[in-house]
Amino acid sequence: MGKGDIKTKKGKITNGSYGVTRKRKDSATIVVKPKPKKEVVAKAPVVEKKAPAKKAPSVKKETTKKTPAKK
């Protein structure tokens, strides 16, 4: 019964685990103080900005390229 034994205190220390035979130390209880409540300040109502209206896509006339005639 030594370092390799999982059931002994020495084995628990070597293995780095806590178990039935190796109790943890009781830690001091921590008292949490409640946070003071902040005063709620009335905010101005938020006005949503509208996106500018999109224009309809303009229809382009198809132009034919005039190539100079060969002489």
N, C-alpha and C. Protein backbone atom coordinates (compact mmCIF):
# COMPACT_ATOMS: atom_id res chain seq x y z
N MET A 1 0.85 -1.17 0.00
CA MET A 1 0.00 0.00 0.00
C MET A 1 0.90 1.24 0.00
N GLY A 2 0.97 1.85 -1.15
CA GLY A 2 1.86 2.99 -1.24
C GLY A 2 1.34 4.02 -2.22
N LYS A 3 2.29 4.58 -2.97
CA LYS A 3 1.95 5.68 -3.88
C LYS A 3 1.00 5.24 -4.99
N GLY A 4 1.07 4.03 -5.43
CA GLY A 4 0.23 3.58 -6.54
C GLY A 4 -1.15 3.12 -6.13
N ASP A 5 -1.39 2.99 -4.82
CA ASP A 5 -2.68 2.50 -4.34
C ASP A 5 -3.70 3.63 -4.36
N ILE A 6 -4.76 3.46 -5.10
CA ILE A 6 -5.77 4.51 -5.25
C ILE A 6 -6.60 4.68 -3.98
N LYS A 7 -6.71 3.63 -3.15
CA LYS A 7 -7.60 3.69 -2.00
C LYS A 7 -6.98 4.31 -0.77
N THR A 8 -5.67 4.57 -0.77
CA THR A 8 -5.03 5.13 0.41
C THR A 8 -4.84 6.63 0.25
N LYS A 9 -4.61 7.30 1.39
CA LYS A 9 -4.40 8.74 1.38
C LYS A 9 -3.15 9.09 0.59
N LYS A 10 -2.11 8.31 0.76
CA LYS A 10 -0.85 8.55 0.06
C LYS A 10 -1.04 8.38 -1.46
N GLY A 11 -1.82 7.40 -1.85
CA GLY A 11 -2.10 7.19 -3.27
C GLY A 11 -2.94 8.32 -3.85
N LYS A 12 -3.86 8.85 -3.06
CA LYS A 12 -4.69 9.97 -3.51
C LYS A 12 -3.83 11.22 -3.71
N ILE A 13 -2.90 11.45 -2.80
CA ILE A 13 -2.02 12.61 -2.92
C ILE A 13 -1.15 12.48 -4.17
N THR A 14 -0.60 11.32 -4.40
CA THR A 14 0.24 11.08 -5.58
C THR A 14 -0.55 11.22 -6.87
N ASN A 15 -1.75 10.68 -6.86
CA ASN A 15 -2.60 10.73 -8.04
C ASN A 15 -3.19 12.12 -8.25
N GLY A 16 -3.27 12.92 -7.19
CA GLY A 16 -3.81 14.27 -7.28
C GLY A 16 -5.32 14.32 -7.28
N SER A 17 -5.96 13.31 -6.71
CA SER A 17 -7.41 13.30 -6.69
C SER A 17 -7.90 13.40 -5.25
N TYR A 18 -9.13 13.78 -5.12
CA TYR A 18 -9.77 13.83 -3.81
C TYR A 18 -10.82 12.72 -3.80
N GLY A 19 -10.92 12.04 -2.71
CA GLY A 19 -11.86 10.94 -2.64
C GLY A 19 -12.33 10.71 -1.23
N VAL A 20 -12.83 9.51 -0.95
CA VAL A 20 -13.40 9.18 0.35
C VAL A 20 -12.33 9.24 1.44
N THR A 21 -11.13 8.77 1.14
CA THR A 21 -10.09 8.70 2.18
C THR A 21 -9.26 9.98 2.26
N ARG A 22 -9.46 10.91 1.33
CA ARG A 22 -8.71 12.16 1.38
C ARG A 22 -9.69 13.31 1.29
N LYS A 23 -9.99 13.89 2.43
CA LYS A 23 -10.97 14.95 2.49
C LYS A 23 -10.33 16.29 2.16
N ARG A 24 -11.11 17.17 1.63
CA ARG A 24 -10.64 18.53 1.36
C ARG A 24 -10.81 19.36 2.60
N LYS A 25 -9.98 20.41 2.71
CA LYS A 25 -10.12 21.32 3.83
C LYS A 25 -11.33 22.20 3.58
N ASP A 26 -12.07 22.48 4.66
CA ASP A 26 -13.21 23.36 4.54
C ASP A 26 -12.72 24.78 4.29
N SER A 27 -13.25 25.41 3.26
CA SER A 27 -12.88 26.78 2.97
C SER A 27 -13.83 27.70 3.73
N ALA A 28 -13.36 28.88 4.03
CA ALA A 28 -14.20 29.85 4.73
C ALA A 28 -15.36 30.23 3.82
N THR A 29 -16.52 30.37 4.42
CA THR A 29 -17.68 30.72 3.62
C THR A 29 -17.56 32.17 3.19
N ILE A 30 -17.92 32.44 1.96
CA ILE A 30 -17.82 33.77 1.41
C ILE A 30 -19.21 34.39 1.41
N VAL A 31 -19.29 35.58 1.99
CA VAL A 31 -20.56 36.29 2.05
C VAL A 31 -20.58 37.28 0.90
N VAL A 32 -21.58 37.16 0.05
CA VAL A 32 -21.71 38.06 -1.09
C VAL A 32 -22.67 39.17 -0.72
N LYS A 33 -22.18 40.41 -0.84
CA LYS A 33 -23.03 41.54 -0.52
C LYS A 33 -23.88 41.88 -1.74
N PRO A 34 -25.16 42.17 -1.54
CA PRO A 34 -25.98 42.53 -2.70
C PRO A 34 -25.55 43.88 -3.26
N LYS A 35 -25.61 43.99 -4.58
CA LYS A 35 -25.22 45.24 -5.23
C LYS A 35 -26.31 46.27 -5.00
N PRO A 36 -25.92 47.53 -4.81
CA PRO A 36 -26.95 48.56 -4.66
C PRO A 36 -27.68 48.75 -5.99
N LYS A 37 -28.97 48.95 -5.88
CA LYS A 37 -29.77 49.11 -7.09
C LYS A 37 -29.54 50.49 -7.69
N LYS A 38 -29.40 50.52 -9.00
CA LYS A 38 -29.21 51.79 -9.69
C LYS A 38 -30.58 52.39 -9.98
N GLU A 39 -30.61 53.73 -9.94
CA GLU A 39 -31.85 54.41 -10.25
C GLU A 39 -32.09 54.35 -11.75
N VAL A 40 -33.32 54.09 -12.11
CA VAL A 40 -33.66 53.99 -13.52
C VAL A 40 -33.96 55.39 -14.02
N VAL A 41 -33.21 55.82 -15.02
CA VAL A 41 -33.41 57.14 -15.60
C VAL A 41 -34.25 56.98 -16.86
N ALA A 42 -35.30 57.79 -16.94
CA ALA A 42 -36.18 57.71 -18.11
C ALA A 42 -35.43 58.23 -19.33
N LYS A 43 -35.39 57.43 -20.36
CA LYS A 43 -34.70 57.82 -21.58
C LYS A 43 -35.73 58.35 -22.58
N ALA A 44 -35.24 59.21 -23.46
CA ALA A 44 -36.09 59.74 -24.52
C ALA A 44 -36.43 58.60 -25.47
N PRO A 45 -37.64 58.59 -26.01
CA PRO A 45 -38.00 57.51 -26.92
C PRO A 45 -37.09 57.53 -28.15
N VAL A 46 -36.73 56.37 -28.59
CA VAL A 46 -35.85 56.23 -29.73
C VAL A 46 -36.68 56.29 -31.01
N VAL A 47 -36.32 57.20 -31.90
CA VAL A 47 -37.02 57.33 -33.16
C VAL A 47 -36.21 56.59 -34.21
N GLU A 48 -36.87 55.65 -34.87
CA GLU A 48 -36.17 54.87 -35.88
C GLU A 48 -36.06 55.69 -37.16
N LYS A 49 -34.88 55.68 -37.74
CA LYS A 49 -34.66 56.40 -38.98
C LYS A 49 -35.06 55.49 -40.14
N LYS A 50 -35.80 56.06 -41.07
CA LYS A 50 -36.21 55.29 -42.22
C LYS A 50 -35.12 55.37 -43.28
N ALA A 51 -34.91 54.30 -43.97
CA ALA A 51 -33.94 54.28 -45.05
C ALA A 51 -34.50 55.08 -46.22
N PRO A 52 -33.63 55.78 -46.95
CA PRO A 52 -34.15 56.55 -48.09
C PRO A 52 -34.74 55.60 -49.13
N ALA A 53 -35.80 56.08 -49.77
CA ALA A 53 -36.49 55.25 -50.76
C ALA A 53 -35.57 55.01 -51.94
N LYS A 54 -35.53 53.78 -52.40
CA LYS A 54 -34.67 53.44 -53.53
C LYS A 54 -35.39 53.78 -54.83
N LYS A 55 -34.62 54.31 -55.75
CA LYS A 55 -35.18 54.63 -57.05
C LYS A 55 -35.29 53.35 -57.87
N ALA A 56 -36.26 53.35 -58.78
CA ALA A 56 -36.41 52.20 -59.66
C ALA A 56 -35.23 52.21 -60.63
N PRO A 57 -34.68 51.06 -60.95
CA PRO A 57 -33.54 51.05 -61.87
C PRO A 57 -33.94 51.60 -63.24
N SER A 58 -33.11 52.48 -63.74
CA SER A 58 -33.42 53.07 -65.03
C SER A 58 -33.13 52.07 -66.15
N VAL A 59 -33.95 52.13 -67.17
CA VAL A 59 -33.80 51.20 -68.29
C VAL A 59 -32.91 51.89 -69.32
N LYS A 60 -31.81 51.28 -69.63
CA LYS A 60 -30.88 51.85 -70.58
C LYS A 60 -31.24 51.34 -71.98
N LYS A 61 -31.15 52.24 -72.93
CA LYS A 61 -31.40 51.86 -74.30
C LYS A 61 -30.13 51.20 -74.84
N GLU A 62 -30.35 50.16 -75.57
CA GLU A 62 -29.21 49.49 -76.15
C GLU A 62 -28.74 50.28 -77.36
N THR A 63 -27.47 50.57 -77.38
CA THR A 63 -26.93 51.30 -78.51
C THR A 63 -26.06 50.37 -79.31
N THR A 64 -26.13 50.52 -80.60
CA THR A 64 -25.29 49.70 -81.46
C THR A 64 -24.08 50.53 -81.84
N LYS A 65 -22.97 49.93 -81.82
CA LYS A 65 -21.76 50.64 -82.19
C LYS A 65 -21.67 50.71 -83.70
N LYS A 66 -21.38 51.89 -84.15
CA LYS A 66 -21.23 52.07 -85.58
C LYS A 66 -19.75 51.87 -85.91
N THR A 67 -19.50 50.93 -86.75
CA THR A 67 -18.11 50.70 -87.15
C THR A 67 -17.90 51.39 -88.50
N PRO A 68 -16.77 52.00 -88.64
CA PRO A 68 -16.53 52.66 -89.94
C PRO A 68 -16.45 51.61 -91.06
N ALA A 69 -17.06 51.96 -92.14
CA ALA A 69 -17.08 51.05 -93.29
C ALA A 69 -15.71 51.03 -93.95
N LYS A 70 -15.28 49.86 -94.34
CA LYS A 70 -14.00 49.75 -95.01
C LYS A 70 -14.13 50.18 -96.46
N LYS A 71 -13.18 50.89 -96.95
CA LYS A 71 -13.22 51.34 -98.34
C LYS A 71 -12.29 50.58 -99.20
